[in-house]
C-alpha atoms as a PDB file:
ATOM      1  CA  UNK A   1       9.269   6.147  17.064  1.00  0.00           C
ATOM      2  CA  UNK A   2      10.363   2.572  17.746  1.00  0.00           C
ATOM      3  CA  UNK A   3       9.106  -0.338  15.674  1.00  0.00           C
ATOM      4  CA  UNK A   4       7.245  -1.999  18.542  1.00  0.00           C
ATOM      5  CA  UNK A   5       5.472   1.225  19.454  1.00  0.00           C
ATOM      6  CA  UNK A   6       4.388   1.708  15.856  1.00  0.00           C
ATOM      7  CA  UNK A   7       3.067  -1.852  15.615  1.00  0.00           C
ATOM      8  CA  UNK A   8       1.123  -1.418  18.871  1.00  0.00           C
ATOM      9  CA  UNK A   9      -0.564   1.761  17.657  1.00  0.00           C
ATOM     10  CA  UNK A  10      -1.514   0.155  14.342  1.00  0.00           C
ATOM     11  CA  UNK A  11      -2.872  -2.883  16.156  1.00  0.00           C
ATOM     12  CA  UNK A  12      -5.555  -0.710  17.755  1.00  0.00           C
ATOM     13  CA  UNK A  13      -6.972   0.453  14.417  1.00  0.00           C
ATOM     14  CA  UNK A  14     -10.442  -0.627  13.353  1.00  0.00           C
ATOM     15  CA  UNK A  15     -10.565  -2.982  10.350  1.00  0.00           C
ATOM     16  CA  UNK A  16     -13.427  -4.168   8.164  1.00  0.00           C
ATOM     17  CA  UNK A  17     -14.626  -7.623   9.135  1.00  0.00           C
ATOM     18  CA  UNK A  18     -16.829  -8.177   6.081  1.00  0.00           C
ATOM     19  CA  UNK A  19     -15.595  -6.878   2.728  1.00  0.00           C
ATOM     20  CA  UNK A  20     -17.973  -4.913   0.547  1.00  0.00           C
ATOM     21  CA  UNK A  21     -20.056  -7.531  -1.247  1.00  0.00           C
ATOM     22  CA  UNK A  22     -20.314  -5.754  -4.573  1.00  0.00           C
ATOM     23  CA  UNK A  23     -16.582  -5.280  -4.889  1.00  0.00           C
ATOM     24  CA  UNK A  24     -15.388  -8.323  -2.964  1.00  0.00           C
ATOM     25  CA  UNK A  25     -14.103 -10.494  -5.811  1.00  0.00           C
ATOM     26  CA  UNK A  26     -12.357  -7.732  -7.751  1.00  0.00           C
ATOM     27  CA  UNK A  27     -10.918  -5.727  -4.844  1.00  0.00           C
ATOM     28  CA  UNK A  28      -9.561  -8.641  -2.820  1.00  0.00           C
ATOM     29  CA  UNK A  29     -10.024  -6.574   0.324  1.00  0.00           C
ATOM     30  CA  UNK A  30      -7.745  -7.994   2.994  1.00  0.00           C
ATOM     31  CA  UNK A  31      -6.678  -5.988   6.040  1.00  0.00           C
ATOM     32  CA  UNK A  32      -2.979  -5.183   6.225  1.00  0.00           C
ATOM     33  CA  UNK A  33      -1.943  -6.421   9.651  1.00  0.00           C
ATOM     34  CA  UNK A  34       0.060  -4.244  12.044  1.00  0.00           C
ATOM     35  CA  UNK A  35       3.090  -6.555  11.874  1.00  0.00           C
ATOM     36  CA  UNK A  36       3.554  -6.157   8.119  1.00  0.00           C
ATOM     37  CA  UNK A  37       2.431  -2.525   7.984  1.00  0.00           C
ATOM     38  CA  UNK A  38       4.804  -1.400  10.719  1.00  0.00           C
ATOM     39  CA  UNK A  39       7.773  -3.147   9.119  1.00  0.00           C
ATOM     40  CA  UNK A  40       6.996  -1.778   5.665  1.00  0.00           C
ATOM     41  CA  UNK A  41       6.888   1.836   6.836  1.00  0.00           C
ATOM     42  CA  UNK A  42       9.662   1.499   9.414  1.00  0.00           C
ATOM     43  CA  UNK A  43      11.982   0.105   6.741  1.00  0.00           C
ATOM     44  CA  UNK A  44      11.006   2.839   4.272  1.00  0.00           C
ATOM     45  CA  UNK A  45      11.840   5.510   6.842  1.00  0.00           C
ATOM     46  CA  UNK A  46      14.846   4.149   8.707  1.00  0.00           C
ATOM     47  CA  UNK A  47      16.647   2.447   5.833  1.00  0.00           C
ATOM     48  CA  UNK A  48      15.840   4.877   2.998  1.00  0.00           C
ATOM     49  CA  UNK A  49      14.465   8.123   4.496  1.00  0.00           C
ATOM     50  CA  UNK A  50      11.404   7.892   2.254  1.00  0.00           C
ATOM     51  CA  UNK A  51       8.678   8.896   4.762  1.00  0.00           C
ATOM     52  CA  UNK A  52       9.441  11.759   7.172  1.00  0.00           C
ATOM     53  CA  UNK A  53       8.831  15.203   5.665  1.00  0.00           C
ATOM     54  CA  UNK A  54       7.671  13.536   2.449  1.00  0.00           C
ATOM     55  CA  UNK A  55       4.346  13.542   0.595  1.00  0.00           C
ATOM     56  CA  UNK A  56       3.130   9.946   0.831  1.00  0.00           C
ATOM     57  CA  UNK A  57       0.224   8.338  -1.038  1.00  0.00           C
ATOM     58  CA  UNK A  58      -1.400   5.128   0.193  1.00  0.00           C
ATOM     59  CA  UNK A  59      -2.908   3.377  -2.851  1.00  0.00           C
ATOM     60  CA  UNK A  60      -5.897   1.150  -2.120  1.00  0.00           C
ATOM     61  CA  UNK A  61      -5.686   2.377   1.441  1.00  0.00           C
ATOM     62  CA  UNK A  62      -8.583   0.305   2.777  1.00  0.00           C
ATOM     63  CA  UNK A  63      -8.949   1.177   6.450  1.00  0.00           C
ATOM     64  CA  UNK A  64      -5.869   3.370   6.348  1.00  0.00           C
ATOM     65  CA  UNK A  65      -3.228   1.307   8.146  1.00  0.00           C
ATOM     66  CA  UNK A  66      -0.267   2.136   5.886  1.00  0.00           C
ATOM     67  CA  UNK A  67      -1.222   5.787   5.664  1.00  0.00           C
ATOM     68  CA  UNK A  68      -1.566   6.031   9.432  1.00  0.00           C
ATOM     69  CA  UNK A  69       1.884   4.508   9.839  1.00  0.00           C
ATOM     70  CA  UNK A  70       3.321   7.056   7.427  1.00  0.00           C
ATOM     71  CA  UNK A  71       1.728   9.912   9.355  1.00  0.00           C
ATOM     72  CA  UNK A  72       2.986   8.536  12.675  1.00  0.00           C
ATOM     73  CA  UNK A  73       6.507   8.467  11.219  1.00  0.00           C
ATOM     74  CA  UNK A  74       6.374  12.137  10.325  1.00  0.00           C
ATOM     75  CA  UNK A  75       5.192  12.348   6.724  1.00  0.00           C
ATOM     76  CA  UNK A  76       4.581  15.925   5.612  1.00  0.00           C
ATOM     77  CA  UNK A  77       1.307  14.942   3.925  1.00  0.00           C
ATOM     78  CA  UNK A  78      -0.515  11.634   3.560  1.00  0.00           C
ATOM     79  CA  UNK A  79      -3.146  10.925   0.905  1.00  0.00           C
ATOM     80  CA  UNK A  80      -5.197   7.735   1.174  1.00  0.00           C
ATOM     81  CA  UNK A  81      -6.975   6.577  -1.989  1.00  0.00           C
ATOM     82  CA  UNK A  82      -9.568   3.822  -2.248  1.00  0.00           C
ATOM     83  CA  UNK A  83     -12.587   2.994  -4.387  1.00  0.00           C
ATOM     84  CA  UNK A  84     -14.703   1.786  -1.449  1.00  0.00           C
ATOM     85  CA  UNK A  85     -16.481   4.539   0.530  1.00  0.00           C
ATOM     86  CA  UNK A  86     -17.108   2.242   3.501  1.00  0.00           C
ATOM     87  CA  UNK A  87     -13.400   1.542   3.872  1.00  0.00           C
ATOM     88  CA  UNK A  88     -12.666   5.262   3.664  1.00  0.00           C
ATOM     89  CA  UNK A  89     -15.159   5.927   6.456  1.00  0.00           C
ATOM     90  CA  UNK A  90     -13.283   3.521   8.706  1.00  0.00           C
ATOM     91  CA  UNK A  91      -9.934   4.986   7.612  1.00  0.00           C
ATOM     92  CA  UNK A  92     -11.147   8.471   8.477  1.00  0.00           C
ATOM     93  CA  UNK A  93     -12.266   7.320  11.931  1.00  0.00           C
ATOM     94  CA  UNK A  94      -8.915   5.640  12.499  1.00  0.00           C
ATOM     95  CA  UNK A  95      -7.070   8.826  11.572  1.00  0.00           C
ATOM     96  CA  UNK A  96      -9.296  10.835  13.884  1.00  0.00           C
ATOM     97  CA  UNK A  97      -8.732   8.418  16.770  1.00  0.00           C
ATOM     98  CA  UNK A  98      -4.959   8.818  16.386  1.00  0.00           C
ATOM     99  CA  UNK A  99      -5.295  12.581  15.823  1.00  0.00           C
ATOM    100  CA  UNK A 100      -3.654  12.315  12.424  1.00  0.00           C
ATOM    101  CA  UNK A 101      -4.210  14.704   9.517  1.00  0.00           C
ATOM    102  CA  UNK A 102      -4.744  12.468   6.466  1.00  0.00           C
ATOM    103  CA  UNK A 103      -6.492  13.374   3.213  1.00  0.00           C
ATOM    104  CA  UNK A 104      -8.766  10.681   1.780  1.00  0.00           C
ATOM    105  CA  UNK A 105      -9.894  10.421  -1.836  1.00  0.00           C
ATOM    106  CA  UNK A 106     -12.518   8.040  -3.215  1.00  0.00           C
ATOM    107  CA  UNK A 107     -11.242   6.974  -6.614  1.00  0.00           C
ATOM    108  CA  UNK A 108     -10.376   3.984  -8.765  1.00  0.00           C
ATOM    109  CA  UNK A 109      -6.578   4.017  -9.005  1.00  0.00           C
ATOM    110  CA  UNK A 110      -6.751   3.460 -12.771  1.00  0.00           C
ATOM    111  CA  UNK A 111      -8.825   6.660 -13.074  1.00  0.00           C
ATOM    112  CA  UNK A 112      -6.714   8.765 -10.725  1.00  0.00           C
ATOM    113  CA  UNK A 113      -5.782  11.326 -13.352  1.00  0.00           C
ATOM    114  CA  UNK A 114      -2.678  12.682 -11.626  1.00  0.00           C
ATOM    115  CA  UNK A 115      -0.092  14.123 -14.001  1.00  0.00           C
ATOM    116  CA  UNK A 116       3.609  13.872 -13.298  1.00  0.00           C
ATOM    117  CA  UNK A 117       5.539  12.799 -10.216  1.00  0.00           C
ATOM    118  CA  UNK A 118       3.512  14.766  -7.694  1.00  0.00           C
ATOM    119  CA  UNK A 119       4.123  12.683  -4.556  1.00  0.00           C
ATOM    120  CA  UNK A 120       7.419  11.561  -3.107  1.00  0.00           C
ATOM    121  CA  UNK A 121       6.527   8.039  -2.018  1.00  0.00           C
ATOM    122  CA  UNK A 122       3.727   5.550  -2.680  1.00  0.00           C
ATOM    123  CA  UNK A 123       3.009   2.754  -0.199  1.00  0.00           C
ATOM    124  CA  UNK A 124       0.502   0.052  -1.012  1.00  0.00           C
ATOM    125  CA  UNK A 125      -0.800  -3.428  -0.455  1.00  0.00           C
ATOM    126  CA  UNK A 126      -2.503  -3.889  -3.835  1.00  0.00           C
ATOM    127  CA  UNK A 127      -4.831  -6.743  -4.781  1.00  0.00           C
ATOM    128  CA  UNK A 128      -2.678  -9.781  -5.520  1.00  0.00           C
ATOM    129  CA  UNK A 129      -4.386 -10.363  -8.863  1.00  0.00           C
ATOM    130  CA  UNK A 130      -5.744 -13.735  -7.796  1.00  0.00           C
ATOM    131  CA  UNK A 131      -9.336 -12.925  -8.781  1.00  0.00           C
ATOM    132  CA  UNK A 132      -8.699 -10.234 -11.396  1.00  0.00           C
ATOM    133  CA  UNK A 133      -5.509 -10.957 -13.297  1.00  0.00           C
ATOM    134  CA  UNK A 134      -3.193  -8.009 -13.726  1.00  0.00           C
ATOM    135  CA  UNK A 135      -4.753  -5.644 -11.211  1.00  0.00           C
ATOM    136  CA  UNK A 136      -1.592  -5.733  -9.082  1.00  0.00           C
ATOM    137  CA  UNK A 137       0.401  -4.480 -12.056  1.00  0.00           C
ATOM    138  CA  UNK A 138      -2.205  -1.794 -12.773  1.00  0.00           C
ATOM    139  CA  UNK A 139      -1.556  -0.391  -9.290  1.00  0.00           C
ATOM    140  CA  UNK A 140       2.194  -0.550  -9.786  1.00  0.00           C
ATOM    141  CA  UNK A 141       1.971   1.122 -13.189  1.00  0.00           C
ATOM    142  CA  UNK A 142       0.187   4.161 -11.748  1.00  0.00           C
ATOM    143  CA  UNK A 143       2.381   4.283  -8.636  1.00  0.00           C
ATOM    144  CA  UNK A 144       5.562   4.413 -10.697  1.00  0.00           C
ATOM    145  CA  UNK A 145       4.126   7.257 -12.763  1.00  0.00           C
ATOM    146  CA  UNK A 146       3.247   9.528  -9.839  1.00  0.00           C
ATOM    147  CA  UNK A 147       6.030   8.852  -7.304  1.00  0.00           C
ATOM    148  CA  UNK A 148       9.298  10.785  -7.580  1.00  0.00           C
ATOM    149  CA  UNK A 149      11.266   8.945  -4.913  1.00  0.00           C
ATOM    150  CA  UNK A 150      10.086   5.385  -4.255  1.00  0.00           C
ATOM    151  CA  UNK A 151       7.238   2.885  -4.327  1.00  0.00           C
ATOM    152  CA  UNK A 152       6.843   0.277  -1.600  1.00  0.00           C
ATOM    153  CA  UNK A 153       4.519  -2.578  -2.463  1.00  0.00           C
ATOM    154  CA  UNK A 154       3.607  -6.111  -1.402  1.00  0.00           C
ATOM    155  CA  UNK A 155       3.344  -8.843  -4.036  1.00  0.00           C
ATOM    156  CA  UNK A 156       3.090 -12.616  -3.905  1.00  0.00           C
ATOM    157  CA  UNK A 157       6.520 -14.226  -3.794  1.00  0.00           C
ATOM    158  CA  UNK A 158       5.460 -16.603  -6.556  1.00  0.00           C
ATOM    159  CA  UNK A 159       5.349 -13.617  -8.948  1.00  0.00           C
ATOM    160  CA  UNK A 160       8.840 -12.326  -8.071  1.00  0.00           C
ATOM    161  CA  UNK A 161      10.543 -12.909 -11.412  1.00  0.00           C
ATOM    162  CA  UNK A 162       7.616 -11.501 -13.371  1.00  0.00           C
ATOM    163  CA  UNK A 163       7.341  -8.411 -11.136  1.00  0.00           C
ATOM    164  CA  UNK A 164      11.026  -7.576 -11.517  1.00  0.00           C
ATOM    165  CA  UNK A 165      11.143  -8.140 -15.271  1.00  0.00           C
ATOM    166  CA  UNK A 166       7.940  -6.235 -16.015  1.00  0.00           C
ATOM    167  CA  UNK A 167       8.580  -3.291 -13.692  1.00  0.00           C
ATOM    168  CA  UNK A 168      12.016  -2.634 -15.180  1.00  0.00           C
ATOM    169  CA  UNK A 169      11.027  -3.231 -18.785  1.00  0.00           C
ATOM    170  CA  UNK A 170       7.557  -1.727 -19.006  1.00  0.00           C
ATOM    171  CA  UNK A 171       6.594   0.266 -15.890  1.00  0.00           C
ATOM    172  CA  UNK A 172       9.102   3.112 -15.565  1.00  0.00           C
ATOM    173  CA  UNK A 173      11.170   1.553 -12.752  1.00  0.00           C
ATOM    174  CA  UNK A 174      14.902   2.259 -12.727  1.00  0.00           C
ATOM    175  CA  UNK A 175      15.432  -0.310  -9.966  1.00  0.00           C
ATOM    176  CA  UNK A 176      13.359  -3.035  -8.309  1.00  0.00           C
ATOM    177  CA  UNK A 177      14.546  -4.670  -5.101  1.00  0.00           C
ATOM    178  CA  UNK A 178      12.982  -7.241  -2.796  1.00  0.00           C
ATOM    179  CA  UNK A 179      13.707  -6.015   0.720  1.00  0.00           C
ATOM    180  CA  UNK A 180      12.374  -9.069   2.538  1.00  0.00           C
ATOM    181  CA  UNK A 181       9.914 -11.959   2.345  1.00  0.00           C
ATOM    182  CA  UNK A 182       6.968 -11.899   4.750  1.00  0.00           C
ATOM    183  CA  UNK A 183       4.015 -14.091   5.659  1.00  0.00           C
ATOM    184  CA  UNK A 184       0.659 -12.471   4.925  1.00  0.00           C
ATOM    185  CA  UNK A 185      -2.181 -13.887   7.025  1.00  0.00           C
ATOM    186  CA  UNK A 186      -5.352 -14.017   4.921  1.00  0.00           C
ATOM    187  CA  UNK A 187      -8.431 -14.628   7.100  1.00  0.00           C
ATOM    188  CA  UNK A 188     -11.557 -16.452   5.949  1.00  0.00           C
ATOM    189  CA  UNK A 189     -13.530 -13.492   4.619  1.00  0.00           C
ATOM    190  CA  UNK A 190     -15.036 -14.747   1.359  1.00  0.00           C
ATOM    191  CA  UNK A 191     -17.351 -17.601   0.498  1.00  0.00           C
ATOM    192  CA  UNK A 192     -14.733 -19.224  -1.740  1.00  0.00           C
ATOM    193  CA  UNK A 193     -12.291 -19.448   1.186  1.00  0.00           C
ATOM    194  CA  UNK A 194     -12.193 -23.044   2.421  1.00  0.00           C
ATOM    195  CA  UNK A 195      -9.772 -22.567   5.327  1.00  0.00           C
ATOM    196  CA  UNK A 196     -10.100 -20.401   8.424  1.00  0.00           C
ATOM    197  CA  UNK A 197      -6.773 -18.731   7.689  1.00  0.00           C
ATOM    198  CA  UNK A 198      -4.070 -19.028   5.035  1.00  0.00           C
ATOM    199  CA  UNK A 199      -0.486 -17.786   5.129  1.00  0.00           C
ATOM    200  CA  UNK A 200       0.719 -16.391   1.803  1.00  0.00           C
ATOM    201  CA  UNK A 201       4.377 -15.694   1.107  1.00  0.00           C
ATOM    202  CA  UNK A 202       4.729 -12.072  -0.006  1.00  0.00           C
ATOM    203  CA  UNK A 203       7.675  -9.899  -0.990  1.00  0.00           C
ATOM    204  CA  UNK A 204       8.173  -6.358   0.214  1.00  0.00           C
ATOM    205  CA  UNK A 205       9.455  -4.458  -2.810  1.00  0.00           C
ATOM    206  CA  UNK A 206      11.111  -1.085  -3.153  1.00  0.00           C
ATOM    207  CA  UNK A 207      10.891   0.372  -6.648  1.00  0.00           C
ATOM    208  CA  UNK A 208      12.665   3.537  -7.712  1.00  0.00           C
ATOM    209  CA  UNK A 209      10.991   5.362 -10.610  1.00  0.00           C
ATOM    210  CA  UNK A 210      12.976   6.709 -13.510  1.00  0.00           C
ATOM    211  CA  UNK A 211      13.681  10.434 -13.275  1.00  0.00           C
ATOM    212  CA  UNK A 212      13.356  10.017  -9.506  1.00  0.00           C
ATOM    213  CA  UNK A 213      15.188  13.267  -8.769  1.00  0.00           C
ATOM    214  CA  UNK A 214      12.970  15.416 -10.989  1.00  0.00           C
ATOM    215  CA  UNK A 215       9.293  16.216 -10.501  1.00  0.00           C
ATOM    216  CA  UNK A 216       7.191  17.131 -13.496  1.00  0.00           C
ATOM    217  CA  UNK A 217       5.513  20.513 -13.408  1.00  0.00           C
END
């Protein structure tokens, strides 16, 4: 599948327009646009062969854009995980509309309870940690524990040095590479947003977990 075709398909997916009020501050629910999502998954597949015929988990899947992209690129199995049941309802509808077989799990990532490296690849657009400090690293910590092959994640460019140092020193990463810098369009969704739209510089990272060639039993 070509990049433009993938982006077009993702652009037709339904997204939440109003984040869940109860979770809004902590979850930092922002839709992952088709431009960024398509490039993240296309790069993972065509540059590193980390998607097709692989078991892929989409952490904090929201409305399922990254997971849908993985399925469209031939993933063997896709698992979307999110704490918000309303987002998962939309994600399920999106998968159905595209006739994709995706498993969805309602769970807090920190309480996932998976043991060992039981998926090949994790893709995610975690909360940036703007409202709840450290939540981005909580996502990365779990992802690097359960992925055997690679973790692809978006983080604010301003945190680049910290992300690299911490992932290699404390979070089980054997390598941490910024693949490119992107512009993330954050729409005016929350009351504390003063502008109609803000562009945030984000890095697309590829992390390789330690023991990446061996899955735990």
